[in-house]
């Protein structure tokens, strides 16, 4: 991945974290990594354990950022979430999967779209 994409991704995660905190979510961790993948942000929203994927773009040239969270990506996130929950003995928690879609324009302003509970991964949750 290019340095530009890494920098844009980190900026998006920083913007998303600030947005979540402003809306009352407690950030538990960022960039939770396992062999099977990564979850950008894990947070708590009341009794919900929330796994959040952040997608950031500079334009709509390739579509909305949230469109990049494909069924394959959702399954990968589900696997990593299940790993996190197992390791932390949280299998009895109510969970949801959110996407935060961000467009950062040329003057640095961000358009944020928070899509709560927008998918249910197939792996391990049924």
N, C-alpha and C. Protein backbone atom coordinates (compact mmCIF):
# COMPACT_ATOMS: atom_id res chain seq x y z
N UNK A 1 0.85 -1.18 0.00
CA UNK A 1 0.00 0.00 0.00
C UNK A 1 0.90 1.24 0.00
N UNK A 2 0.53 2.24 -0.78
CA UNK A 2 1.34 3.44 -0.88
C UNK A 2 1.26 4.27 0.40
N UNK A 3 2.28 5.11 0.59
CA UNK A 3 2.29 5.99 1.76
C UNK A 3 1.09 6.93 1.77
N UNK A 4 0.68 7.38 0.58
CA UNK A 4 -0.47 8.27 0.47
C UNK A 4 -1.74 7.58 0.97
N UNK A 5 -1.95 6.33 0.57
CA UNK A 5 -3.14 5.59 1.01
C UNK A 5 -3.09 5.31 2.51
N UNK A 6 -1.90 5.01 3.03
CA UNK A 6 -1.75 4.76 4.47
C UNK A 6 -2.08 6.04 5.24
N UNK A 7 -1.55 7.16 4.77
CA UNK A 7 -1.80 8.45 5.43
C UNK A 7 -3.28 8.80 5.38
N UNK A 8 -3.93 8.60 4.23
CA UNK A 8 -5.35 8.88 4.09
C UNK A 8 -6.16 7.96 5.01
N UNK A 9 -5.78 6.71 5.07
CA UNK A 9 -6.48 5.76 5.95
C UNK A 9 -6.39 6.15 7.41
N UNK A 10 -5.18 6.55 7.84
CA UNK A 10 -5.00 6.96 9.23
C UNK A 10 -5.80 8.23 9.52
N UNK A 11 -5.78 9.18 8.59
CA UNK A 11 -6.57 10.40 8.75
C UNK A 11 -8.05 10.04 8.91
N UNK A 12 -8.55 9.15 8.07
CA UNK A 12 -9.94 8.73 8.16
C UNK A 12 -10.26 8.10 9.50
N UNK A 13 -9.37 7.24 9.99
CA UNK A 13 -9.59 6.61 11.30
C UNK A 13 -9.58 7.64 12.43
N UNK A 14 -8.71 8.65 12.32
CA UNK A 14 -8.69 9.72 13.33
C UNK A 14 -10.00 10.51 13.30
N UNK A 15 -10.48 10.83 12.10
CA UNK A 15 -11.74 11.56 11.96
C UNK A 15 -12.89 10.71 12.52
N UNK A 16 -12.90 9.43 12.18
CA UNK A 16 -13.95 8.53 12.65
C UNK A 16 -13.94 8.41 14.18
N UNK A 17 -12.75 8.29 14.76
CA UNK A 17 -12.64 8.19 16.22
C UNK A 17 -13.21 9.43 16.89
N UNK A 18 -12.86 10.60 16.38
CA UNK A 18 -13.40 11.85 16.94
C UNK A 18 -14.92 11.89 16.80
N UNK A 19 -15.42 11.47 15.66
CA UNK A 19 -16.87 11.43 15.42
C UNK A 19 -17.57 10.50 16.42
N UNK A 20 -17.01 9.33 16.62
CA UNK A 20 -17.60 8.36 17.55
C UNK A 20 -17.61 8.89 18.98
N UNK A 21 -16.49 9.45 19.41
CA UNK A 21 -16.41 10.01 20.77
C UNK A 21 -17.43 11.13 20.94
N UNK A 22 -17.54 12.00 19.95
CA UNK A 22 -18.49 13.11 20.00
C UNK A 22 -19.93 12.60 20.14
N UNK A 23 -20.17 11.41 19.59
CA UNK A 23 -21.51 10.82 19.65
C UNK A 23 -21.67 9.82 20.79
N UNK A 24 -20.75 9.87 21.76
CA UNK A 24 -20.91 9.12 23.00
C UNK A 24 -20.40 7.69 23.02
N UNK A 25 -19.72 7.25 21.99
CA UNK A 25 -19.16 5.90 22.00
C UNK A 25 -17.82 5.91 22.71
N UNK A 26 -17.53 4.84 23.41
CA UNK A 26 -16.25 4.69 24.10
C UNK A 26 -15.34 3.84 23.22
N UNK A 27 -14.19 4.37 22.87
CA UNK A 27 -13.25 3.63 22.04
C UNK A 27 -12.49 2.63 22.91
N UNK A 28 -12.53 1.38 22.51
CA UNK A 28 -11.82 0.32 23.24
C UNK A 28 -10.43 0.13 22.64
N UNK A 29 -10.36 -0.01 21.33
CA UNK A 29 -9.06 -0.17 20.67
C UNK A 29 -9.18 0.21 19.20
N UNK A 30 -8.03 0.49 18.62
CA UNK A 30 -7.94 0.77 17.19
C UNK A 30 -6.97 -0.21 16.56
N UNK A 31 -7.22 -0.54 15.31
CA UNK A 31 -6.34 -1.40 14.52
C UNK A 31 -6.06 -2.74 15.20
N UNK A 32 -7.12 -3.43 15.56
CA UNK A 32 -6.99 -4.77 16.15
C UNK A 32 -6.65 -5.72 15.01
N UNK A 33 -5.45 -6.32 15.08
CA UNK A 33 -4.96 -7.16 13.99
C UNK A 33 -4.81 -8.61 14.42
N UNK A 34 -5.17 -9.49 13.51
CA UNK A 34 -4.94 -10.92 13.62
C UNK A 34 -4.47 -11.40 12.25
N UNK A 35 -4.07 -12.65 12.17
CA UNK A 35 -3.61 -13.20 10.89
C UNK A 35 -4.67 -13.08 9.80
N UNK A 36 -5.93 -13.22 10.20
CA UNK A 36 -7.01 -13.22 9.21
C UNK A 36 -7.48 -11.82 8.80
N UNK A 37 -6.97 -10.77 9.45
CA UNK A 37 -7.37 -9.42 9.07
C UNK A 37 -7.30 -8.43 10.21
N UNK A 38 -7.98 -7.31 10.01
CA UNK A 38 -7.92 -6.21 10.97
C UNK A 38 -9.30 -5.57 11.11
N UNK A 39 -9.55 -5.06 12.30
CA UNK A 39 -10.73 -4.22 12.53
C UNK A 39 -10.22 -2.84 12.89
N UNK A 40 -10.72 -1.83 12.20
CA UNK A 40 -10.21 -0.47 12.38
C UNK A 40 -10.46 0.06 13.78
N UNK A 41 -11.71 -0.05 14.26
CA UNK A 41 -12.06 0.49 15.57
C UNK A 41 -13.01 -0.49 16.26
N UNK A 42 -12.75 -0.72 17.53
CA UNK A 42 -13.69 -1.46 18.37
C UNK A 42 -14.12 -0.49 19.46
N UNK A 43 -15.44 -0.37 19.63
CA UNK A 43 -15.98 0.61 20.58
C UNK A 43 -17.14 0.01 21.36
N UNK A 44 -17.56 0.74 22.36
CA UNK A 44 -18.74 0.36 23.13
C UNK A 44 -19.75 1.49 23.00
N UNK A 45 -21.00 1.10 22.71
CA UNK A 45 -22.11 2.04 22.62
C UNK A 45 -23.21 1.51 23.52
N UNK A 46 -23.21 1.95 24.77
CA UNK A 46 -24.12 1.39 25.76
C UNK A 46 -23.78 -0.07 25.98
N UNK A 47 -24.75 -0.94 25.78
CA UNK A 47 -24.48 -2.37 25.97
C UNK A 47 -23.95 -3.05 24.71
N UNK A 48 -23.85 -2.31 23.60
CA UNK A 48 -23.36 -2.86 22.34
C UNK A 48 -21.84 -2.83 22.25
N UNK A 49 -21.27 -3.92 21.80
CA UNK A 49 -19.87 -3.98 21.39
C UNK A 49 -19.90 -3.73 19.89
N UNK A 50 -19.20 -2.69 19.43
CA UNK A 50 -19.31 -2.25 18.05
C UNK A 50 -17.98 -2.42 17.32
N UNK A 51 -18.04 -3.14 16.20
CA UNK A 51 -16.87 -3.33 15.34
C UNK A 51 -17.07 -2.42 14.13
N UNK A 52 -16.09 -1.54 13.91
CA UNK A 52 -16.27 -0.47 12.93
C UNK A 52 -15.19 -0.53 11.85
N UNK A 53 -15.64 -0.55 10.61
CA UNK A 53 -14.76 -0.48 9.46
C UNK A 53 -14.83 0.95 8.93
N UNK A 54 -13.67 1.56 8.71
CA UNK A 54 -13.60 2.94 8.23
C UNK A 54 -13.06 2.92 6.80
N UNK A 55 -13.77 3.56 5.90
CA UNK A 55 -13.32 3.69 4.51
C UNK A 55 -13.25 5.16 4.18
N UNK A 56 -12.10 5.58 3.66
CA UNK A 56 -11.86 7.00 3.38
C UNK A 56 -11.38 7.16 1.94
N UNK A 57 -11.94 8.16 1.27
CA UNK A 57 -11.52 8.48 -0.10
C UNK A 57 -11.43 9.99 -0.25
N UNK A 58 -10.74 10.39 -1.31
CA UNK A 58 -10.63 11.82 -1.61
C UNK A 58 -11.72 12.30 -2.56
N UNK A 59 -12.38 11.36 -3.24
CA UNK A 59 -13.42 11.73 -4.19
C UNK A 59 -14.37 10.54 -4.36
N UNK A 60 -15.39 10.77 -5.15
CA UNK A 60 -16.35 9.70 -5.46
C UNK A 60 -16.01 9.02 -6.79
N UNK A 61 -14.83 9.26 -7.28
CA UNK A 61 -14.41 8.70 -8.58
C UNK A 61 -14.62 7.19 -8.66
N UNK A 62 -14.38 6.50 -7.56
CA UNK A 62 -14.54 5.04 -7.54
C UNK A 62 -15.76 4.61 -6.72
N UNK A 63 -16.69 5.52 -6.52
CA UNK A 63 -17.91 5.22 -5.78
C UNK A 63 -17.81 5.63 -4.33
N UNK A 64 -18.87 5.38 -3.60
CA UNK A 64 -18.91 5.71 -2.17
C UNK A 64 -17.92 4.82 -1.43
N UNK A 65 -17.25 5.35 -0.42
CA UNK A 65 -16.29 4.53 0.33
C UNK A 65 -16.91 3.26 0.92
N UNK A 66 -18.15 3.35 1.42
CA UNK A 66 -18.76 2.18 2.06
C UNK A 66 -18.97 1.03 1.08
N UNK A 67 -18.99 1.32 -0.21
CA UNK A 67 -19.17 0.27 -1.21
C UNK A 67 -17.99 -0.70 -1.25
N UNK A 68 -16.87 -0.31 -0.67
CA UNK A 68 -15.70 -1.18 -0.63
C UNK A 68 -15.79 -2.25 0.46
N UNK A 69 -16.83 -2.18 1.29
CA UNK A 69 -17.02 -3.19 2.34
C UNK A 69 -17.87 -4.31 1.72
N UNK A 70 -17.21 -5.14 0.95
CA UNK A 70 -17.84 -6.21 0.20
C UNK A 70 -18.23 -7.37 1.13
N UNK A 71 -19.04 -8.30 0.65
CA UNK A 71 -19.34 -9.48 1.46
C UNK A 71 -18.08 -10.23 1.92
N UNK A 72 -17.07 -10.29 1.08
CA UNK A 72 -15.81 -10.92 1.47
C UNK A 72 -15.17 -10.19 2.65
N UNK A 73 -15.15 -8.86 2.57
CA UNK A 73 -14.59 -8.04 3.65
C UNK A 73 -15.44 -8.19 4.92
N UNK A 74 -16.74 -8.26 4.79
CA UNK A 74 -17.62 -8.45 5.94
C UNK A 74 -17.33 -9.77 6.65
N UNK A 75 -17.11 -10.82 5.87
CA UNK A 75 -16.78 -12.13 6.45
C UNK A 75 -15.45 -12.06 7.18
N UNK A 76 -14.47 -11.38 6.59
CA UNK A 76 -13.16 -11.22 7.23
C UNK A 76 -13.30 -10.46 8.55
N UNK A 77 -14.07 -9.39 8.56
CA UNK A 77 -14.29 -8.62 9.78
C UNK A 77 -14.97 -9.50 10.82
N UNK A 78 -15.93 -10.30 10.40
CA UNK A 78 -16.61 -11.21 11.31
C UNK A 78 -15.66 -12.19 11.97
N UNK A 79 -14.73 -12.74 11.21
CA UNK A 79 -13.74 -13.68 11.76
C UNK A 79 -12.87 -13.00 12.81
N UNK A 80 -12.41 -11.80 12.50
CA UNK A 80 -11.55 -11.08 13.44
C UNK A 80 -12.35 -10.68 14.68
N UNK A 81 -13.60 -10.28 14.50
CA UNK A 81 -14.45 -9.92 15.64
C UNK A 81 -14.67 -11.12 16.55
N UNK A 82 -14.91 -12.27 15.97
CA UNK A 82 -15.11 -13.49 16.75
C UNK A 82 -13.84 -13.83 17.53
N UNK A 83 -12.69 -13.65 16.90
CA UNK A 83 -11.41 -13.87 17.58
C UNK A 83 -11.29 -12.93 18.78
N UNK A 84 -11.59 -11.65 18.57
CA UNK A 84 -11.50 -10.65 19.64
C UNK A 84 -12.43 -11.03 20.80
N UNK A 85 -13.65 -11.39 20.47
CA UNK A 85 -14.64 -11.72 21.49
C UNK A 85 -14.23 -12.98 22.27
N UNK A 86 -13.69 -13.95 21.56
CA UNK A 86 -13.25 -15.19 22.21
C UNK A 86 -12.09 -14.91 23.15
N UNK A 87 -11.09 -14.19 22.69
CA UNK A 87 -9.91 -13.89 23.50
C UNK A 87 -10.25 -13.06 24.74
N UNK A 88 -11.28 -12.23 24.62
CA UNK A 88 -11.65 -11.34 25.73
C UNK A 88 -12.88 -11.81 26.50
N UNK A 89 -13.29 -13.05 26.24
CA UNK A 89 -14.45 -13.65 26.94
C UNK A 89 -15.69 -12.75 26.86
N UNK A 90 -16.00 -12.34 25.63
CA UNK A 90 -17.12 -11.44 25.39
C UNK A 90 -18.18 -12.07 24.49
N UNK A 91 -18.21 -13.38 24.43
CA UNK A 91 -19.14 -14.05 23.51
C UNK A 91 -20.61 -13.84 23.85
N UNK A 92 -20.89 -13.36 25.06
CA UNK A 92 -22.28 -13.12 25.45
C UNK A 92 -22.72 -11.67 25.18
N UNK A 93 -21.87 -10.88 24.57
CA UNK A 93 -22.16 -9.47 24.32
C UNK A 93 -23.04 -9.28 23.09
N UNK A 94 -23.89 -8.26 23.15
CA UNK A 94 -24.63 -7.82 21.96
C UNK A 94 -23.62 -7.09 21.07
N UNK A 95 -23.59 -7.46 19.80
CA UNK A 95 -22.62 -6.85 18.88
C UNK A 95 -23.33 -6.25 17.68
N UNK A 96 -22.65 -5.29 17.10
CA UNK A 96 -23.11 -4.75 15.82
C UNK A 96 -21.88 -4.37 15.00
N UNK A 97 -22.13 -4.26 13.71
CA UNK A 97 -21.07 -3.96 12.76
C UNK A 97 -21.43 -2.69 12.00
N UNK A 98 -20.61 -1.66 12.18
CA UNK A 98 -20.84 -0.36 11.58
C UNK A 98 -19.79 -0.10 10.50
N UNK A 99 -20.12 0.80 9.59
CA UNK A 99 -19.16 1.33 8.63
C UNK A 99 -19.21 2.84 8.72
N UNK A 100 -18.04 3.45 8.73
CA UNK A 100 -17.96 4.90 8.63
C UNK A 100 -17.29 5.22 7.30
N UNK A 101 -18.02 5.96 6.49
CA UNK A 101 -17.62 6.30 5.14
C UNK A 101 -17.24 7.78 5.12
N UNK A 102 -16.02 8.08 4.69
CA UNK A 102 -15.52 9.46 4.77
C UNK A 102 -14.98 9.90 3.41
N UNK A 103 -15.39 11.09 3.00
CA UNK A 103 -14.80 11.75 1.84
C UNK A 103 -14.07 12.98 2.36
N UNK A 104 -12.77 13.05 2.11
CA UNK A 104 -11.97 14.21 2.51
C UNK A 104 -11.72 15.03 1.24
N UNK A 105 -12.26 16.26 1.21
CA UNK A 105 -12.09 17.07 0.01
C UNK A 105 -10.75 17.82 0.02
N UNK A 106 -10.50 18.56 -1.02
CA UNK A 106 -9.19 19.21 -1.20
C UNK A 106 -8.83 20.20 -0.11
N UNK A 107 -9.84 20.85 0.49
CA UNK A 107 -9.53 21.82 1.55
C UNK A 107 -9.48 21.17 2.93
N UNK A 108 -9.51 19.83 2.96
CA UNK A 108 -9.34 19.11 4.22
C UNK A 108 -10.62 18.86 5.00
N UNK A 109 -11.75 19.34 4.49
CA UNK A 109 -13.01 19.10 5.17
C UNK A 109 -13.49 17.69 4.89
N UNK A 110 -14.12 17.09 5.89
CA UNK A 110 -14.55 15.71 5.76
C UNK A 110 -16.07 15.59 5.78
N UNK A 111 -16.59 14.80 4.86
CA UNK A 111 -18.00 14.44 4.85
C UNK A 111 -18.08 13.04 5.43
N UNK A 112 -18.75 12.91 6.58
CA UNK A 112 -18.78 11.64 7.32
C UNK A 112 -20.18 11.06 7.25
N UNK A 113 -20.24 9.78 6.88
CA UNK A 113 -21.50 9.05 6.91
C UNK A 113 -21.31 7.81 7.78
N UNK A 114 -22.02 7.77 8.90
CA UNK A 114 -21.93 6.65 9.84
C UNK A 114 -23.11 5.73 9.58
N UNK A 115 -22.81 4.48 9.21
CA UNK A 115 -23.84 3.50 8.91
C UNK A 115 -23.85 2.44 10.02
N UNK A 116 -24.67 2.65 11.06
CA UNK A 116 -24.69 1.69 12.16
C UNK A 116 -25.42 0.39 11.80
N UNK A 117 -24.91 -0.70 12.34
CA UNK A 117 -25.55 -2.01 12.19
C UNK A 117 -25.88 -2.31 10.73
N UNK A 118 -24.92 -2.06 9.84
CA UNK A 118 -25.21 -2.14 8.41
C UNK A 118 -24.92 -3.49 7.77
N UNK A 119 -24.31 -4.41 8.53
CA UNK A 119 -24.15 -5.76 7.98
C UNK A 119 -24.04 -6.77 9.11
N UNK A 120 -24.29 -8.01 8.77
CA UNK A 120 -24.14 -9.13 9.69
C UNK A 120 -23.25 -10.16 9.03
N UNK A 121 -22.05 -10.33 9.53
CA UNK A 121 -21.15 -11.30 8.91
C UNK A 121 -21.70 -12.72 9.08
N UNK A 122 -21.43 -13.55 8.12
CA UNK A 122 -21.93 -14.93 8.14
C UNK A 122 -21.18 -15.78 9.16
N UNK A 123 -19.91 -15.58 9.30
CA UNK A 123 -19.07 -16.48 10.09
C UNK A 123 -19.30 -16.35 11.58
N UNK A 124 -19.66 -17.43 12.22
CA UNK A 124 -19.63 -17.53 13.65
C UNK A 124 -20.67 -16.80 14.46
N UNK A 125 -21.62 -16.15 13.85
CA UNK A 125 -22.57 -15.37 14.62
C UNK A 125 -23.99 -15.93 14.56
N UNK A 126 -24.15 -17.14 14.03
CA UNK A 126 -25.47 -17.74 13.93
C UNK A 126 -25.48 -19.12 14.49
